[in-house]
Amino acid sequence: MPIRLSSGSRRHSRHGELRPTAARTLESAFAMLIGEIENRRVLDLYSGVGSYGVMALRQGAAFAAFVDISHEAEHRVAKALDHFHLEDRAMVFREDAFHFLHKTDRWAEGFDVVFADPPYEGVLPGALIQEIMDAGLLAHGGVLVLEHSKRHAPPEAPGLTLRKSRVFGETTISIWDHP
């Protein structure tokens, strides 16, 4: 089962449907993170098919947590993890991302890399970033990668430094550093 995804009929799907990250976007995001994945703890919020988290594990991440409310997403992530024999380095949570962020007692330490790919409509990127920071789930020295609509500028992120923001078609990848 190839994890490499290309744009297609479900790329700009309606709210509630899985919206896989295009292969070009995924590869470009990881190219901006060279040397920052290996042996790191990764959180993939709104994981969908698990593109970010699975790619991170394949590039040597020590652990990845996948969070998506969809039963289909849970199934597809589990299938990808099984296909690449990565189950022992991952946990999959079928729950709302904001609910997950409020259960901070699950983790003794923050994540080194947080990928967030929320629905372009219905989730305000600034509010999501604030919740991630309030939850303390992004470790100091960590990196936040947000996929969002190009129609919205990268939101203000108090406590974070915007490293880079790049547009790919209708999508923007914004990366912040947590000093």
Protein backbone atom coordinates (compact mmCIF):
# COMPACT_ATOMS: atom_id res chain seq x y z
CA MET A 1 0.00 0.00 0.00
CA PRO A 2 1.86 3.13 -1.13
CA ILE A 3 1.73 6.07 1.24
CA ARG A 4 2.72 8.43 -1.54
CA LEU A 5 -0.41 10.42 -2.28
CA SER A 6 -1.25 12.53 -5.25
CA SER A 7 -3.96 15.07 -5.71
CA GLY A 8 -7.20 13.63 -6.91
CA SER A 9 -10.93 13.73 -6.58
CA ARG A 10 -10.82 13.76 -2.75
CA ARG A 11 -8.06 16.39 -2.44
CA HIS A 12 -10.53 19.19 -1.72
CA SER A 13 -13.24 17.09 -0.12
CA ARG A 14 -16.03 18.40 2.03
CA HIS A 15 -15.70 18.78 5.81
CA GLY A 16 -15.75 15.39 7.46
CA GLU A 17 -14.19 13.53 4.55
CA LEU A 18 -10.56 12.47 4.43
CA ARG A 19 -8.41 14.92 2.48
CA PRO A 20 -5.07 13.25 1.76
CA THR A 21 -2.00 15.46 1.57
CA ALA A 22 -0.64 15.65 -1.98
CA ALA A 23 2.69 13.88 -2.52
CA ARG A 24 4.40 17.10 -3.61
CA THR A 25 3.22 18.95 -0.52
CA LEU A 26 4.25 16.10 1.78
CA GLU A 27 7.69 15.76 0.23
CA SER A 28 8.25 19.53 0.36
CA ALA A 29 7.24 19.70 4.02
CA PHE A 30 9.74 16.98 4.90
CA ALA A 31 12.43 18.65 2.78
CA MET A 32 12.03 21.70 5.05
CA LEU A 33 12.57 19.42 8.09
CA ILE A 34 15.76 17.62 7.06
CA GLY A 35 17.60 16.40 10.14
CA GLU A 36 14.67 17.09 12.49
CA ILE A 37 12.72 13.82 12.34
CA GLU A 38 15.07 10.99 13.29
CA ASN A 39 14.66 9.76 16.89
CA ARG A 40 11.92 12.34 17.55
CA ARG A 41 8.46 12.02 19.04
CA VAL A 42 5.80 13.05 16.52
CA LEU A 43 2.14 14.04 16.86
CA ASP A 44 -0.07 13.91 13.75
CA LEU A 45 -3.27 15.87 14.50
CA TYR A 46 -6.18 15.49 12.07
CA SER A 47 -4.14 12.60 10.70
CA GLY A 48 -6.56 11.51 7.97
CA VAL A 49 -4.73 8.69 6.18
CA GLY A 50 -1.64 9.29 8.33
CA SER A 51 0.64 10.71 5.64
CA TYR A 52 2.69 12.95 7.93
CA GLY A 53 3.09 10.52 10.81
CA VAL A 54 3.82 7.49 8.64
CA MET A 55 6.39 9.44 6.61
CA ALA A 56 8.02 10.60 9.87
CA LEU A 57 8.22 7.03 11.16
CA ARG A 58 9.69 5.87 7.85
CA GLN A 59 12.31 8.61 8.20
CA GLY A 60 13.32 7.35 11.63
CA ALA A 61 11.00 9.05 14.14
CA ALA A 62 11.07 7.17 17.44
CA PHE A 63 7.31 7.37 18.00
CA ALA A 64 4.17 8.84 16.41
CA ALA A 65 0.71 9.47 17.82
CA PHE A 66 -2.10 9.80 15.27
CA VAL A 67 -5.31 11.66 16.14
CA ASP A 68 -8.46 11.82 14.02
CA ILE A 69 -12.14 11.57 14.89
CA SER A 70 -12.98 9.51 11.81
CA HIS A 71 -13.36 5.74 12.01
CA GLU A 72 -12.17 5.55 8.39
CA ALA A 73 -9.01 7.51 9.29
CA GLU A 74 -8.32 5.19 12.23
CA HIS A 75 -8.66 2.18 9.95
CA ARG A 76 -6.48 3.63 7.16
CA VAL A 77 -3.72 4.71 9.56
CA ALA A 78 -3.69 1.28 11.20
CA LYS A 79 -3.51 -0.35 7.76
CA ALA A 80 -0.57 1.87 6.70
CA LEU A 81 1.26 1.19 9.98
CA ASP A 82 0.76 -2.53 9.47
CA HIS A 83 1.89 -2.36 5.85
CA PHE A 84 5.18 -0.68 6.78
CA HIS A 85 5.60 -2.72 10.02
CA LEU A 86 5.51 0.41 12.19
CA GLU A 87 2.80 -0.55 14.70
CA ASP A 88 5.25 -0.91 17.59
CA ARG A 89 6.26 2.77 17.32
CA ALA A 90 2.80 4.28 17.04
CA MET A 91 -0.51 4.87 18.80
CA VAL A 92 -3.77 5.77 17.05
CA PHE A 93 -6.47 7.78 18.81
CA ARG A 94 -9.97 8.08 17.36
CA GLU A 95 -11.12 11.29 18.98
CA ASP A 96 -11.59 14.97 18.36
CA ALA A 97 -8.27 16.83 18.20
CA PHE A 98 -9.34 19.48 20.71
CA HIS A 99 -10.50 16.76 23.13
CA PHE A 100 -7.14 15.01 22.69
CA LEU A 101 -5.30 18.26 23.46
CA HIS A 102 -7.14 18.56 26.78
CA LYS A 103 -6.00 15.10 27.95
CA THR A 104 -2.43 16.13 28.65
CA ASP A 105 -2.00 13.62 31.48
CA ARG A 106 -1.36 10.93 28.82
CA TRP A 107 2.09 12.29 28.08
CA ALA A 108 5.01 12.76 30.43
CA GLU A 109 6.73 14.97 27.87
CA GLY A 110 5.83 17.03 24.82
CA PHE A 111 6.27 16.07 21.20
CA ASP A 112 9.30 17.19 19.20
CA VAL A 113 7.33 17.62 15.99
CA VAL A 114 3.62 18.36 15.74
CA PHE A 115 1.91 18.07 12.35
CA ALA A 116 -1.57 19.57 12.13
CA ASP A 117 -3.73 19.29 9.02
CA PRO A 118 -7.17 20.48 10.15
CA PRO A 119 -10.13 20.87 7.78
CA TYR A 120 -9.70 24.15 5.92
CA GLU A 121 -13.24 25.12 6.90
CA GLY A 122 -14.45 24.88 10.47
CA VAL A 123 -11.17 24.91 12.42
CA LEU A 124 -9.42 28.21 12.99
CA PRO A 125 -5.66 27.61 12.69
CA GLY A 126 -4.85 30.28 15.29
CA ALA A 127 -7.17 28.68 17.85
CA LEU A 128 -5.67 25.26 17.15
CA ILE A 129 -2.12 26.55 17.63
CA GLN A 130 -3.14 28.20 20.89
CA GLU A 131 -4.66 24.92 22.13
CA ILE A 132 -1.49 23.00 21.23
CA MET A 133 0.61 25.53 23.14
CA ASP A 134 -1.77 25.66 26.13
CA ALA A 135 -1.68 21.86 26.32
CA GLY A 136 2.11 21.91 26.47
CA LEU A 137 2.33 19.20 23.84
CA LEU A 138 5.00 20.93 21.75
CA ALA A 139 8.35 20.47 23.47
CA HIS A 140 10.81 23.33 23.77
CA GLY A 141 13.08 23.11 20.76
CA GLY A 142 10.22 21.47 18.87
CA VAL A 143 8.65 22.25 15.52
CA LEU A 144 5.00 22.85 14.58
CA VAL A 145 3.98 22.14 10.97
CA LEU A 146 0.54 23.42 9.97
CA GLU A 147 -1.17 22.71 6.68
CA HIS A 148 -3.81 25.35 5.93
CA SER A 149 -5.60 27.09 3.08
CA LYS A 150 -3.57 29.58 1.08
CA ARG A 151 -6.49 32.01 1.51
CA HIS A 152 -5.39 32.55 5.11
CA ALA A 153 -2.06 34.02 6.16
CA PRO A 154 -0.13 32.03 8.76
CA PRO A 155 -1.77 32.88 12.08
CA GLU A 156 -0.01 34.64 14.92
CA ALA A 157 1.51 32.08 17.23
CA PRO A 158 2.62 33.56 20.56
CA GLY A 159 5.65 31.74 21.94
CA LEU A 160 6.61 30.42 18.50
CA THR A 161 8.81 31.79 15.73
CA LEU A 162 7.60 31.45 12.14
CA ARG A 163 10.41 29.77 10.24
CA LYS A 164 8.86 29.38 6.82
CA SER A 165 5.55 29.45 4.99
CA ARG A 166 5.24 27.98 1.49
CA VAL A 167 2.29 27.74 -0.89
CA PHE A 168 1.54 24.59 -2.91
CA GLY A 169 -1.53 25.10 -5.08
CA GLU A 170 -4.42 25.79 -2.68
CA THR A 171 -2.39 24.66 0.34
CA THR A 172 0.08 26.47 2.56
CA ILE A 173 2.60 24.73 4.80
CA SER A 174 3.69 26.94 7.70
CA ILE A 175 6.45 25.90 10.09
CA TRP A 176 7.12 27.41 13.51
CA ASP A 177 9.96 26.79 15.97
CA HIS A 178 9.38 26.60 19.71
CA PRO A 179 12.48 28.11 21.35
